[in-house]
Amino acid sequence: MIEKPDKQRSDSRVELLTKCQLEIKGKKYDCLVDNISTTGASVKMATIDLEHIQVGDTGKLDVLLLSPVTYHCWVVRISSDQIGVNFI
């Protein structure tokens, strides 16, 4: 894992690739976490059928770290098959 400081963020992101599941509006999407921090994550979606997801939607992100972790989050960015979420 590599820590990447970012001038736009208040904390460092840690690059990793691990399975996760994003649930938005009751629909579950299989995905991979690209990087994660204490305030948010970048998620690579397994599908590009994201027409029902919009910036501002809230949901939860289930991530397998050392043990399963659930983050309540909201969508802050959508770009092709990538979604950025901030943790609530």
N, C-alpha and C. Protein backbone atom coordinates (compact mmCIF):
# COMPACT_ATOMS: atom_id res chain seq x y z
N MET A 1 0.84 -1.17 0.00
CA MET A 1 0.00 0.00 0.00
C MET A 1 0.89 1.24 0.00
N ILE A 2 0.47 2.25 -0.72
CA ILE A 2 1.23 3.48 -0.85
C ILE A 2 0.37 4.64 -0.39
N GLU A 3 0.90 5.47 0.50
CA GLU A 3 0.17 6.67 0.91
C GLU A 3 0.47 7.78 -0.07
N LYS A 4 -0.57 8.47 -0.51
CA LYS A 4 -0.41 9.57 -1.45
C LYS A 4 -0.98 10.83 -0.83
N PRO A 5 -0.12 11.77 -0.44
CA PRO A 5 -0.68 13.04 0.02
C PRO A 5 -1.27 13.79 -1.16
N ASP A 6 -2.35 14.49 -0.94
CA ASP A 6 -3.03 15.22 -1.99
C ASP A 6 -3.27 16.64 -1.50
N LYS A 7 -2.91 17.61 -2.30
CA LYS A 7 -3.03 19.01 -1.91
C LYS A 7 -4.48 19.42 -1.69
N GLN A 8 -5.44 18.72 -2.32
CA GLN A 8 -6.85 19.07 -2.20
C GLN A 8 -7.53 18.39 -1.01
N ARG A 9 -6.88 17.43 -0.39
CA ARG A 9 -7.50 16.66 0.68
C ARG A 9 -6.82 16.95 2.01
N SER A 10 -7.59 16.78 3.08
CA SER A 10 -7.06 17.03 4.41
C SER A 10 -6.33 15.81 4.98
N ASP A 11 -6.41 14.69 4.30
CA ASP A 11 -5.75 13.48 4.77
C ASP A 11 -5.14 12.72 3.60
N SER A 12 -4.33 11.72 3.91
CA SER A 12 -3.68 10.92 2.87
C SER A 12 -4.56 9.77 2.44
N ARG A 13 -4.50 9.46 1.17
CA ARG A 13 -5.20 8.29 0.64
C ARG A 13 -4.22 7.13 0.62
N VAL A 14 -4.73 5.93 0.86
CA VAL A 14 -3.94 4.72 0.79
C VAL A 14 -4.42 3.93 -0.41
N GLU A 15 -3.49 3.65 -1.33
CA GLU A 15 -3.85 2.87 -2.51
C GLU A 15 -3.95 1.40 -2.12
N LEU A 16 -5.04 0.79 -2.53
CA LEU A 16 -5.22 -0.64 -2.34
C LEU A 16 -6.27 -1.11 -3.33
N LEU A 17 -6.36 -2.38 -3.51
CA LEU A 17 -7.36 -2.94 -4.41
C LEU A 17 -8.05 -4.06 -3.64
N THR A 18 -9.27 -3.81 -3.22
CA THR A 18 -10.02 -4.79 -2.45
C THR A 18 -11.49 -4.77 -2.84
N LYS A 19 -12.13 -5.90 -2.73
CA LYS A 19 -13.54 -6.00 -3.09
C LYS A 19 -14.41 -5.18 -2.16
N CYS A 20 -15.48 -4.66 -2.73
CA CYS A 20 -16.45 -3.93 -1.92
C CYS A 20 -17.81 -4.03 -2.60
N GLN A 21 -18.80 -3.54 -1.89
CA GLN A 21 -20.14 -3.48 -2.45
C GLN A 21 -20.74 -2.13 -2.06
N LEU A 22 -21.21 -1.39 -3.05
CA LEU A 22 -21.83 -0.10 -2.85
C LEU A 22 -23.33 -0.27 -2.98
N GLU A 23 -24.06 0.20 -1.97
CA GLU A 23 -25.52 0.14 -2.03
C GLU A 23 -26.06 1.55 -2.08
N ILE A 24 -26.76 1.87 -3.17
CA ILE A 24 -27.38 3.17 -3.39
C ILE A 24 -28.84 2.94 -3.78
N LYS A 25 -29.75 3.61 -3.12
CA LYS A 25 -31.18 3.50 -3.42
C LYS A 25 -31.67 2.06 -3.43
N GLY A 26 -31.14 1.24 -2.52
CA GLY A 26 -31.57 -0.15 -2.40
C GLY A 26 -30.96 -1.11 -3.41
N LYS A 27 -30.17 -0.60 -4.36
CA LYS A 27 -29.52 -1.46 -5.35
C LYS A 27 -28.06 -1.66 -4.97
N LYS A 28 -27.59 -2.90 -5.06
CA LYS A 28 -26.21 -3.23 -4.69
C LYS A 28 -25.35 -3.40 -5.94
N TYR A 29 -24.16 -2.80 -5.89
CA TYR A 29 -23.21 -2.84 -7.00
C TYR A 29 -21.91 -3.45 -6.51
N ASP A 30 -21.40 -4.46 -7.22
CA ASP A 30 -20.09 -5.00 -6.91
C ASP A 30 -19.03 -4.06 -7.46
N CYS A 31 -17.97 -3.86 -6.68
CA CYS A 31 -16.94 -2.91 -7.09
C CYS A 31 -15.63 -3.20 -6.39
N LEU A 32 -14.62 -2.38 -6.69
CA LEU A 32 -13.31 -2.46 -6.06
C LEU A 32 -12.93 -1.09 -5.52
N VAL A 33 -12.37 -1.06 -4.32
CA VAL A 33 -11.84 0.19 -3.79
C VAL A 33 -10.45 0.38 -4.39
N ASP A 34 -10.21 1.53 -5.04
CA ASP A 34 -8.90 1.88 -5.60
C ASP A 34 -8.02 2.49 -4.52
N ASN A 35 -8.61 3.41 -3.75
CA ASN A 35 -7.90 4.03 -2.64
C ASN A 35 -8.91 4.49 -1.61
N ILE A 36 -8.41 4.65 -0.38
CA ILE A 36 -9.30 4.97 0.73
C ILE A 36 -8.56 5.86 1.72
N SER A 37 -9.32 6.68 2.43
CA SER A 37 -8.76 7.52 3.48
C SER A 37 -9.74 7.51 4.65
N THR A 38 -9.49 8.33 5.63
CA THR A 38 -10.41 8.41 6.76
C THR A 38 -11.69 9.14 6.40
N THR A 39 -11.70 9.88 5.28
CA THR A 39 -12.87 10.68 4.92
C THR A 39 -13.60 10.21 3.67
N GLY A 40 -13.01 9.30 2.89
CA GLY A 40 -13.67 8.87 1.66
C GLY A 40 -12.91 7.80 0.91
N ALA A 41 -13.41 7.47 -0.28
CA ALA A 41 -12.80 6.43 -1.10
C ALA A 41 -13.09 6.66 -2.57
N SER A 42 -12.24 6.09 -3.41
CA SER A 42 -12.48 6.04 -4.84
C SER A 42 -12.80 4.59 -5.18
N VAL A 43 -13.91 4.40 -5.89
CA VAL A 43 -14.43 3.06 -6.14
C VAL A 43 -14.53 2.81 -7.64
N LYS A 44 -13.97 1.69 -8.09
CA LYS A 44 -14.09 1.29 -9.50
C LYS A 44 -15.24 0.30 -9.60
N MET A 45 -16.23 0.68 -10.37
CA MET A 45 -17.44 -0.13 -10.49
C MET A 45 -17.23 -1.30 -11.46
N ALA A 46 -17.85 -2.44 -11.16
CA ALA A 46 -17.76 -3.61 -12.03
C ALA A 46 -18.65 -3.44 -13.26
N THR A 47 -19.64 -2.56 -13.16
CA THR A 47 -20.54 -2.29 -14.28
C THR A 47 -20.50 -0.80 -14.58
N ILE A 48 -20.75 -0.44 -15.81
CA ILE A 48 -20.82 0.99 -16.14
C ILE A 48 -22.27 1.45 -16.28
N ASP A 49 -23.20 0.59 -15.88
CA ASP A 49 -24.63 0.93 -15.88
C ASP A 49 -24.94 1.69 -14.60
N LEU A 50 -24.60 2.97 -14.59
CA LEU A 50 -24.71 3.78 -13.39
C LEU A 50 -25.77 4.85 -13.52
N GLU A 51 -26.74 4.66 -14.41
CA GLU A 51 -27.73 5.70 -14.68
C GLU A 51 -28.58 6.05 -13.48
N HIS A 52 -28.67 5.15 -12.50
CA HIS A 52 -29.50 5.42 -11.32
C HIS A 52 -28.73 6.07 -10.18
N ILE A 53 -27.42 6.25 -10.36
CA ILE A 53 -26.59 6.87 -9.32
C ILE A 53 -26.31 8.31 -9.71
N GLN A 54 -26.49 9.24 -8.76
CA GLN A 54 -26.25 10.65 -9.01
C GLN A 54 -25.41 11.23 -7.88
N VAL A 55 -24.68 12.29 -8.20
CA VAL A 55 -23.93 13.01 -7.17
C VAL A 55 -24.92 13.49 -6.12
N GLY A 56 -24.59 13.27 -4.86
CA GLY A 56 -25.47 13.64 -3.76
C GLY A 56 -26.24 12.48 -3.17
N ASP A 57 -26.33 11.35 -3.91
CA ASP A 57 -27.02 10.16 -3.38
C ASP A 57 -26.28 9.65 -2.16
N THR A 58 -27.03 9.12 -1.19
CA THR A 58 -26.42 8.52 -0.02
C THR A 58 -26.62 7.02 -0.05
N GLY A 59 -25.75 6.32 0.66
CA GLY A 59 -25.85 4.87 0.71
C GLY A 59 -24.84 4.32 1.67
N LYS A 60 -24.40 3.09 1.39
CA LYS A 60 -23.37 2.50 2.23
C LYS A 60 -22.38 1.73 1.38
N LEU A 61 -21.16 1.68 1.86
CA LEU A 61 -20.07 1.00 1.19
C LEU A 61 -19.55 -0.07 2.13
N ASP A 62 -19.67 -1.33 1.73
CA ASP A 62 -19.15 -2.46 2.51
C ASP A 62 -17.80 -2.84 1.91
N VAL A 63 -16.74 -2.75 2.73
CA VAL A 63 -15.38 -2.99 2.28
C VAL A 63 -14.76 -4.10 3.11
N LEU A 64 -14.02 -4.98 2.45
CA LEU A 64 -13.29 -6.02 3.15
C LEU A 64 -11.86 -5.52 3.38
N LEU A 65 -11.58 -5.04 4.58
CA LEU A 65 -10.22 -4.63 4.95
C LEU A 65 -9.64 -5.81 5.75
N LEU A 66 -9.11 -5.59 6.92
CA LEU A 66 -8.69 -6.72 7.75
C LEU A 66 -9.90 -7.52 8.21
N SER A 67 -11.02 -6.84 8.34
CA SER A 67 -12.32 -7.45 8.60
C SER A 67 -13.34 -6.60 7.84
N PRO A 68 -14.56 -7.08 7.67
CA PRO A 68 -15.56 -6.29 6.95
C PRO A 68 -15.88 -4.98 7.67
N VAL A 69 -15.95 -3.89 6.91
CA VAL A 69 -16.25 -2.57 7.45
C VAL A 69 -17.35 -1.95 6.60
N THR A 70 -18.33 -1.33 7.24
CA THR A 70 -19.39 -0.63 6.52
C THR A 70 -19.26 0.86 6.77
N TYR A 71 -19.23 1.63 5.69
CA TYR A 71 -19.17 3.09 5.75
C TYR A 71 -20.48 3.65 5.20
N HIS A 72 -21.11 4.55 5.91
CA HIS A 72 -22.23 5.30 5.35
C HIS A 72 -21.60 6.44 4.57
N CYS A 73 -22.10 6.71 3.38
CA CYS A 73 -21.40 7.64 2.50
C CYS A 73 -22.37 8.37 1.59
N TRP A 74 -21.83 9.38 0.89
CA TRP A 74 -22.59 10.03 -0.17
C TRP A 74 -21.67 10.19 -1.37
N VAL A 75 -22.29 10.16 -2.55
CA VAL A 75 -21.55 10.22 -3.81
C VAL A 75 -21.15 11.67 -4.08
N VAL A 76 -19.85 11.89 -4.31
CA VAL A 76 -19.36 13.25 -4.60
C VAL A 76 -18.82 13.39 -6.02
N ARG A 77 -18.57 12.26 -6.70
CA ARG A 77 -18.02 12.32 -8.05
C ARG A 77 -18.38 11.06 -8.81
N ILE A 78 -18.75 11.22 -10.09
CA ILE A 78 -18.98 10.09 -10.98
C ILE A 78 -18.22 10.37 -12.27
N SER A 79 -17.37 9.43 -12.67
CA SER A 79 -16.58 9.59 -13.87
C SER A 79 -16.40 8.23 -14.53
N SER A 80 -17.09 8.01 -15.63
CA SER A 80 -17.03 6.74 -16.35
C SER A 80 -17.40 5.60 -15.40
N ASP A 81 -16.44 4.75 -15.05
CA ASP A 81 -16.71 3.61 -14.15
C ASP A 81 -16.15 3.86 -12.75
N GLN A 82 -15.78 5.10 -12.44
CA GLN A 82 -15.23 5.47 -11.13
C GLN A 82 -16.25 6.32 -10.36
N ILE A 83 -16.38 6.05 -9.08
CA ILE A 83 -17.22 6.84 -8.21
C ILE A 83 -16.41 7.26 -7.01
N GLY A 84 -16.51 8.54 -6.65
CA GLY A 84 -15.89 9.03 -5.43
C GLY A 84 -16.94 9.19 -4.38
N VAL A 85 -16.66 8.71 -3.16
CA VAL A 85 -17.61 8.84 -2.05
C VAL A 85 -16.91 9.49 -0.86
N ASN A 86 -17.67 10.27 -0.12
CA ASN A 86 -17.22 10.80 1.16
C ASN A 86 -17.98 10.07 2.24
N PHE A 87 -17.30 9.77 3.34
CA PHE A 87 -17.94 9.08 4.45
C PHE A 87 -18.70 10.06 5.31
N ILE A 88 -19.84 9.62 5.82
CA ILE A 88 -20.67 10.45 6.70
C ILE A 88 -20.27 10.20 8.13
